[in-house]
Amino acid sequence: MVVDGLRHVPDSTVLQRIYKERGGKLPYPEPISRAVEVPAAPAQTRQEGETPETGGKIQNTVQQAPPSQRPT
């Protein structure tokens, strides 16, 4: 369990101390961030009015006033 903790938080002095006390040998276990490199997914931003249902197209959000309320 201490080994897993050091892989997630390699700079933890408490985990390093416990690791040594329980017979762990240096170097410490390799951090997960270096052990497995996962490419970052590109950030996708949505524009106002764009929804997943529209397939990425922006919907026209302007609503027309009913004929009884339109200016003459």
PDB file of N, CA and C in Angstrom:
ATOM      1  N   MET A   1       0.808  -1.184   0.000  1.00  0.00           N
ATOM      2  CA  MET A   1       0.000   0.000   0.000  1.00  0.00           C
ATOM      3  C   MET A   1       0.860   1.261   0.000  1.00  0.00           C
ATOM      4  N   VAL A   2       1.975   1.232   0.727  1.00  0.00           N
ATOM      5  CA  VAL A   2       2.858   2.392   0.764  1.00  0.00           C
ATOM      6  C   VAL A   2       3.465   2.609  -0.621  1.00  0.00           C
ATOM      7  N   VAL A   3       3.779   1.509  -1.309  1.00  0.00           N
ATOM      8  CA  VAL A   3       4.354   1.608  -2.658  1.00  0.00           C
ATOM      9  C   VAL A   3       3.365   2.300  -3.592  1.00  0.00           C
ATOM     10  N   ASP A   4       2.082   1.913  -3.511  1.00  0.00           N
ATOM     11  CA  ASP A   4       1.059   2.554  -4.345  1.00  0.00           C
ATOM     12  C   ASP A   4       0.935   4.039  -4.014  1.00  0.00           C
ATOM     13  N   GLY A   5       0.989   4.361  -2.716  1.00  0.00           N
ATOM     14  CA  GLY A   5       0.913   5.765  -2.315  1.00  0.00           C
ATOM     15  C   GLY A   5       2.064   6.571  -2.873  1.00  0.00           C
ATOM     16  N   LEU A   6       3.281   6.012  -2.834  1.00  0.00           N
ATOM     17  CA  LEU A   6       4.446   6.727  -3.370  1.00  0.00           C
ATOM     18  C   LEU A   6       4.361   6.881  -4.883  1.00  0.00           C
ATOM     19  N   ARG A   7       3.702   5.952  -5.541  1.00  0.00           N
ATOM     20  CA  ARG A   7       3.539   6.095  -6.995  1.00  0.00           C
ATOM     21  C   ARG A   7       2.602   7.248  -7.329  1.00  0.00           C
ATOM     22  N   HIS A   8       1.622   7.475  -6.458  1.00  0.00           N
ATOM     23  CA  HIS A   8       0.668   8.565  -6.699  1.00  0.00           C
ATOM     24  C   HIS A   8       1.169   9.902  -6.163  1.00  0.00           C
ATOM     25  N   VAL A   9       1.878   9.882  -5.015  1.00  0.00           N
ATOM     26  CA  VAL A   9       2.373  11.113  -4.380  1.00  0.00           C
ATOM     27  C   VAL A   9       3.852  10.902  -4.047  1.00  0.00           C
ATOM     28  N   PRO A  10       4.726  10.975  -5.055  1.00  0.00           N
ATOM     29  CA  PRO A  10       6.134  10.641  -4.842  1.00  0.00           C
ATOM     30  C   PRO A  10       6.884  11.575  -3.899  1.00  0.00           C
ATOM     31  N   ASP A  11       6.415  12.780  -3.669  1.00  0.00           N
ATOM     32  CA  ASP A  11       7.122  13.737  -2.817  1.00  0.00           C
ATOM     33  C   ASP A  11       6.675  13.699  -1.355  1.00  0.00           C
ATOM     34  N   SER A  12       5.817  12.746  -0.983  1.00  0.00           N
ATOM     35  CA  SER A  12       5.315  12.671   0.387  1.00  0.00           C
ATOM     36  C   SER A  12       6.413  12.161   1.319  1.00  0.00           C
ATOM     37  N   THR A  13       6.857  13.023   2.231  1.00  0.00           N
ATOM     38  CA  THR A  13       7.917  12.631   3.169  1.00  0.00           C
ATOM     39  C   THR A  13       7.422  11.580   4.156  1.00  0.00           C
ATOM     40  N   VAL A  14       6.142  11.619   4.501  1.00  0.00           N
ATOM     41  CA  VAL A  14       5.578  10.628   5.421  1.00  0.00           C
ATOM     42  C   VAL A  14       5.616   9.242   4.773  1.00  0.00           C
ATOM     43  N   LEU A  15       5.172   9.154   3.521  1.00  0.00           N
ATOM     44  CA  LEU A  15       5.199   7.862   2.822  1.00  0.00           C
ATOM     45  C   LEU A  15       6.631   7.380   2.605  1.00  0.00           C
ATOM     46  N   GLN A  16       7.543   8.287   2.310  1.00  0.00           N
ATOM     47  CA  GLN A  16       8.948   7.905   2.132  1.00  0.00           C
ATOM     48  C   GLN A  16       9.518   7.317   3.432  1.00  0.00           C
ATOM     49  N   ARG A  17       9.189   7.952   4.573  1.00  0.00           N
ATOM     50  CA  ARG A  17       9.682   7.468   5.866  1.00  0.00           C
ATOM     51  C   ARG A  17       9.133   6.078   6.175  1.00  0.00           C
ATOM     52  N   ILE A  18       7.817   5.877   5.976  1.00  0.00           N
ATOM     53  CA  ILE A  18       7.198   4.578   6.243  1.00  0.00           C
ATOM     54  C   ILE A  18       7.779   3.514   5.309  1.00  0.00           C
ATOM     55  N   TYR A  19       7.995   3.872   4.061  1.00  0.00           N
ATOM     56  CA  TYR A  19       8.578   2.947   3.085  1.00  0.00           C
ATOM     57  C   TYR A  19       9.937   2.446   3.575  1.00  0.00           C
ATOM     58  N   LYS A  20      10.787   3.365   4.048  1.00  0.00           N
ATOM     59  CA  LYS A  20      12.120   2.983   4.557  1.00  0.00           C
ATOM     60  C   LYS A  20      12.003   2.150   5.832  1.00  0.00           C
ATOM     61  N   GLU A  21      11.111   2.537   6.752  1.00  0.00           N
ATOM     62  CA  GLU A  21      10.928   1.805   8.005  1.00  0.00           C
ATOM     63  C   GLU A  21      10.493   0.360   7.776  1.00  0.00           C
ATOM     64  N   ARG A  22       9.751   0.117   6.710  1.00  0.00           N
ATOM     65  CA  ARG A  22       9.245  -1.231   6.431  1.00  0.00           C
ATOM     66  C   ARG A  22      10.156  -2.013   5.488  1.00  0.00           C
ATOM     67  N   GLY A  23      11.381  -1.529   5.304  1.00  0.00           N
ATOM     68  CA  GLY A  23      12.361  -2.280   4.530  1.00  0.00           C
ATOM     69  C   GLY A  23      12.437  -1.927   3.058  1.00  0.00           C
ATOM     70  N   GLY A  24      11.802  -0.861   2.660  1.00  0.00           N
ATOM     71  CA  GLY A  24      11.862  -0.445   1.257  1.00  0.00           C
ATOM     72  C   GLY A  24      13.246   0.044   0.893  1.00  0.00           C
ATOM     73  N   LYS A  25      13.682  -0.257  -0.296  1.00  0.00           N
ATOM     74  CA  LYS A  25      15.018   0.127  -0.775  1.00  0.00           C
ATOM     75  C   LYS A  25      14.913   1.302  -1.739  1.00  0.00           C
ATOM     76  N   LEU A  26      15.951   2.138  -1.708  1.00  0.00           N
ATOM     77  CA  LEU A  26      16.027   3.251  -2.653  1.00  0.00           C
ATOM     78  C   LEU A  26      16.484   2.713  -3.997  1.00  0.00           C
ATOM     79  N   PRO A  27      16.112   3.266  -5.084  1.00  0.00           N
ATOM     80  CA  PRO A  27      15.246   4.439  -5.262  1.00  0.00           C
ATOM     81  C   PRO A  27      13.792   4.088  -4.955  1.00  0.00           C
ATOM     82  N   TYR A  28      13.024   5.121  -4.686  1.00  0.00           N
ATOM     83  CA  TYR A  28      11.603   4.939  -4.421  1.00  0.00           C
ATOM     84  C   TYR A  28      10.919   4.421  -5.686  1.00  0.00           C
ATOM     85  N   PRO A  29       9.731   3.829  -5.547  1.00  0.00           N
ATOM     86  CA  PRO A  29       8.993   3.355  -6.734  1.00  0.00           C
ATOM     87  C   PRO A  29       8.760   4.489  -7.731  1.00  0.00           C
ATOM     88  N   GLU A  30       8.787   4.135  -8.995  1.00  0.00           N
ATOM     89  CA  GLU A  30       8.615   5.145 -10.047  1.00  0.00           C
ATOM     90  C   GLU A  30       7.195   5.702 -10.026  1.00  0.00           C
ATOM     91  N   PRO A  31       7.055   7.026 -10.078  1.00  0.00           N
ATOM     92  CA  PRO A  31       5.719   7.643 -10.072  1.00  0.00           C
ATOM     93  C   PRO A  31       4.893   7.194 -11.269  1.00  0.00           C
ATOM     94  N   ILE A  32       3.601   7.122 -11.080  1.00  0.00           N
ATOM     95  CA  ILE A  32       2.689   6.707 -12.147  1.00  0.00           C
ATOM     96  C   ILE A  32       2.758   7.662 -13.327  1.00  0.00           C
ATOM     97  N   SER A  33       2.897   8.964 -13.073  1.00  0.00           N
ATOM     98  CA  SER A  33       2.919   9.940 -14.161  1.00  0.00           C
ATOM     99  C   SER A  33       4.067   9.678 -15.128  1.00  0.00           C
ATOM    100  N   ARG A  34       5.180   9.141 -14.647  1.00  0.00           N
ATOM    101  CA  ARG A  34       6.295   8.812 -15.530  1.00  0.00           C
ATOM    102  C   ARG A  34       6.191   7.380 -16.044  1.00  0.00           C
ATOM    103  N   ALA A  35       5.538   6.493 -15.286  1.00  0.00           N
ATOM    104  CA  ALA A  35       5.445   5.095 -15.671  1.00  0.00           C
ATOM    105  C   ALA A  35       4.542   4.910 -16.884  1.00  0.00           C
ATOM    106  N   VAL A  36       3.444   5.635 -16.935  1.00  0.00           N
ATOM    107  CA  VAL A  36       2.498   5.524 -18.042  1.00  0.00           C
ATOM    108  C   VAL A  36       2.228   6.918 -18.569  1.00  0.00           C
ATOM    109  N   GLU A  37       2.622   7.147 -19.792  1.00  0.00           N
ATOM    110  CA  GLU A  37       2.357   8.454 -20.395  1.00  0.00           C
ATOM    111  C   GLU A  37       1.123   8.349 -21.263  1.00  0.00           C
ATOM    112  N   VAL A  38       0.087   9.041 -20.863  1.00  0.00           N
ATOM    113  CA  VAL A  38      -1.164   9.051 -21.598  1.00  0.00           C
ATOM    114  C   VAL A  38      -1.270  10.394 -22.299  1.00  0.00           C
ATOM    115  N   PRO A  39      -1.442  10.378 -23.625  1.00  0.00           N
ATOM    116  CA  PRO A  39      -1.560  11.663 -24.319  1.00  0.00           C
ATOM    117  C   PRO A  39      -2.827  12.393 -23.871  1.00  0.00           C
ATOM    118  N   ALA A  40      -2.683  13.672 -23.677  1.00  0.00           N
ATOM    119  CA  ALA A  40      -3.812  14.492 -23.239  1.00  0.00           C
ATOM    120  C   ALA A  40      -4.796  14.667 -24.382  1.00  0.00           C
ATOM    121  N   ALA A  41      -6.062  14.519 -24.070  1.00  0.00           N
ATOM    122  CA  ALA A  41      -7.102  14.725 -25.075  1.00  0.00           C
ATOM    123  C   ALA A  41      -7.248  16.218 -25.317  1.00  0.00           C
ATOM    124  N   PRO A  42      -7.411  16.617 -26.576  1.00  0.00           N
ATOM    125  CA  PRO A  42      -7.580  18.043 -26.846  1.00  0.00           C
ATOM    126  C   PRO A  42      -8.859  18.560 -26.197  1.00  0.00           C
ATOM    127  N   ALA A  43      -8.759  19.724 -25.615  1.00  0.00           N
ATOM    128  CA  ALA A  43      -9.915  20.324 -24.953  1.00  0.00           C
ATOM    129  C   ALA A  43     -10.921  20.759 -26.001  1.00  0.00           C
ATOM    130  N   GLN A  44     -12.152  20.378 -25.777  1.00  0.00           N
ATOM    131  CA  GLN A  44     -13.206  20.777 -26.696  1.00  0.00           C
ATOM    132  C   GLN A  44     -14.074  21.813 -25.998  1.00  0.00           C
ATOM    133  N   THR A  45     -14.215  22.938 -26.634  1.00  0.00           N
ATOM    134  CA  THR A  45     -15.047  23.981 -26.048  1.00  0.00           C
ATOM    135  C   THR A  45     -16.295  24.139 -26.902  1.00  0.00           C
ATOM    136  N   ARG A  46     -17.366  24.463 -26.244  1.00  0.00           N
ATOM    137  CA  ARG A  46     -18.619  24.673 -26.957  1.00  0.00           C
ATOM    138  C   ARG A  46     -18.917  26.158 -26.997  1.00  0.00           C
ATOM    139  N   GLN A  47     -19.481  26.547 -28.101  1.00  0.00           N
ATOM    140  CA  GLN A  47     -19.909  27.931 -28.215  1.00  0.00           C
ATOM    141  C   GLN A  47     -21.320  28.041 -27.669  1.00  0.00           C
ATOM    142  N   GLU A  48     -21.718  29.253 -27.361  1.00  0.00           N
ATOM    143  CA  GLU A  48     -23.058  29.478 -26.840  1.00  0.00           C
ATOM    144  C   GLU A  48     -24.089  28.994 -27.845  1.00  0.00           C
ATOM    145  N   GLY A  49     -25.049  28.217 -27.373  1.00  0.00           N
ATOM    146  CA  GLY A  49     -26.096  27.705 -28.237  1.00  0.00           C
ATOM    147  C   GLY A  49     -25.767  26.355 -28.849  1.00  0.00           C
ATOM    148  N   GLU A  50     -24.555  25.865 -28.676  1.00  0.00           N
ATOM    149  CA  GLU A  50     -24.149  24.593 -29.254  1.00  0.00           C
ATOM    150  C   GLU A  50     -24.428  23.487 -28.254  1.00  0.00           C
ATOM    151  N   THR A  51     -25.064  22.439 -28.699  1.00  0.00           N
ATOM    152  CA  THR A  51     -25.388  21.318 -27.818  1.00  0.00           C
ATOM    153  C   THR A  51     -24.989  20.013 -28.489  1.00  0.00           C
ATOM    154  N   PRO A  52     -24.817  18.931 -27.721  1.00  0.00           N
ATOM    155  CA  PRO A  52     -24.488  17.641 -28.333  1.00  0.00           C
ATOM    156  C   PRO A  52     -25.577  17.175 -29.306  1.00  0.00           C
ATOM    157  N   GLU A  53     -26.842  17.517 -29.023  1.00  0.00           N
ATOM    158  CA  GLU A  53     -27.946  17.086 -29.870  1.00  0.00           C
ATOM    159  C   GLU A  53     -27.892  17.717 -31.261  1.00  0.00           C
ATOM    160  N   THR A  54     -27.267  18.876 -31.384  1.00  0.00           N
ATOM    161  CA  THR A  54     -27.228  19.557 -32.676  1.00  0.00           C
ATOM    162  C   THR A  54     -26.041  19.115 -33.521  1.00  0.00           C
ATOM    163  N   GLY A  55     -25.244  18.187 -32.994  1.00  0.00           N
ATOM    164  CA  GLY A  55     -24.098  17.714 -33.755  1.00  0.00           C
ATOM    165  C   GLY A  55     -23.031  18.779 -33.922  1.00  0.00           C
ATOM    166  N   GLY A  56     -22.904  19.671 -32.961  1.00  0.00           N
ATOM    167  CA  GLY A  56     -21.883  20.699 -33.013  1.00  0.00           C
ATOM    168  C   GLY A  56     -22.334  21.964 -33.719  1.00  0.00           C
ATOM    169  N   LYS A  57     -23.569  21.967 -34.238  1.00  0.00           N
ATOM    170  CA  LYS A  57     -24.066  23.158 -34.921  1.00  0.00           C
ATOM    171  C   LYS A  57     -24.696  24.096 -33.900  1.00  0.00           C
ATOM    172  N   ILE A  58     -24.546  25.361 -34.120  1.00  0.00           N
ATOM    173  CA  ILE A  58     -25.099  26.358 -33.215  1.00  0.00           C
ATOM    174  C   ILE A  58     -26.564  26.580 -33.574  1.00  0.00           C
ATOM    175  N   GLN A  59     -27.400  26.466 -32.553  1.00  0.00           N
ATOM    176  CA  GLN A  59     -28.818  26.683 -32.771  1.00  0.00           C
ATOM    177  C   GLN A  59     -29.132  28.168 -32.687  1.00  0.00           C
ATOM    178  N   ASN A  60     -30.121  28.575 -33.435  1.00  0.00           N
ATOM    179  CA  ASN A  60     -30.591  29.950 -33.352  1.00  0.00           C
ATOM    180  C   ASN A  60     -31.459  30.055 -32.112  1.00  0.00           C
ATOM    181  N   THR A  61     -31.001  30.812 -31.142  1.00  0.00           N
ATOM    182  CA  THR A  61     -31.719  30.901 -29.868  1.00  0.00           C
ATOM    183  C   THR A  61     -32.605  32.135 -29.782  1.00  0.00           C
ATOM    184  N   VAL A  62     -32.688  32.925 -30.848  1.00  0.00           N
ATOM    185  CA  VAL A  62     -33.531  34.123 -30.845  1.00  0.00           C
ATOM    186  C   VAL A  62     -34.965  33.688 -31.099  1.00  0.00           C
ATOM    187  N   GLN A  63     -35.852  34.101 -30.226  1.00  0.00           N
ATOM    188  CA  GLN A  63     -37.251  33.734 -30.385  1.00  0.00           C
ATOM    189  C   GLN A  63     -38.030  34.934 -30.896  1.00  0.00           C
ATOM    190  N   GLN A  64     -38.939  34.663 -31.804  1.00  0.00           N
ATOM    191  CA  GLN A  64     -39.792  35.708 -32.366  1.00  0.00           C
ATOM    192  C   GLN A  64     -40.930  35.999 -31.375  1.00  0.00           C
ATOM    193  N   ALA A  65     -41.304  37.247 -31.263  1.00  0.00           N
ATOM    194  CA  ALA A  65     -42.449  37.618 -30.426  1.00  0.00           C
ATOM    195  C   ALA A  65     -43.720  37.204 -31.157  1.00  0.00           C
ATOM    196  N   PRO A  66     -44.721  36.798 -30.406  1.00  0.00           N
ATOM    197  CA  PRO A  66     -46.001  36.436 -31.064  1.00  0.00           C
ATOM    198  C   PRO A  66     -46.538  37.639 -31.833  1.00  0.00           C
ATOM    199  N   PRO A  67     -47.291  37.399 -32.912  1.00  0.00           N
ATOM    200  CA  PRO A  67     -47.798  38.523 -33.748  1.00  0.00           C
ATOM    201  C   PRO A  67     -48.551  39.575 -32.961  1.00  0.00           C
ATOM    202  N   SER A  68     -49.208  39.199 -31.879  1.00  0.00           N
ATOM    203  CA  SER A  68     -49.961  40.191 -31.113  1.00  0.00           C
ATOM    204  C   SER A  68     -49.049  41.155 -30.352  1.00  0.00           C
ATOM    205  N   GLN A  69     -47.777  40.785 -30.167  1.00  0.00           N
ATOM    206  CA  GLN A  69     -46.866  41.634 -29.392  1.00  0.00           C
ATOM    207  C   GLN A  69     -45.827  42.306 -30.267  1.00  0.00           C
ATOM    208  N   ARG A  70     -45.868  42.107 -31.583  1.00  0.00           N
ATOM    209  CA  ARG A  70     -44.890  42.723 -32.481  1.00  0.00           C
ATOM    210  C   ARG A  70     -45.211  44.195 -32.667  1.00  0.00           C
ATOM    211  N   PRO A  71     -44.158  45.027 -32.765  1.00  0.00           N
ATOM    212  CA  PRO A  71     -44.417  46.466 -33.009  1.00  0.00           C
ATOM    213  C   PRO A  71     -45.009  46.676 -34.400  1.00  0.00           C
ATOM    214  N   THR A  72     -45.843  47.676 -34.516  1.00  0.00           N
ATOM    215  CA  THR A  72     -46.483  47.955 -35.807  1.00  0.00           C
ATOM    216  C   THR A  72     -45.840  49.100 -36.520  1.00  0.00           C
TER     217      THR A  72
END
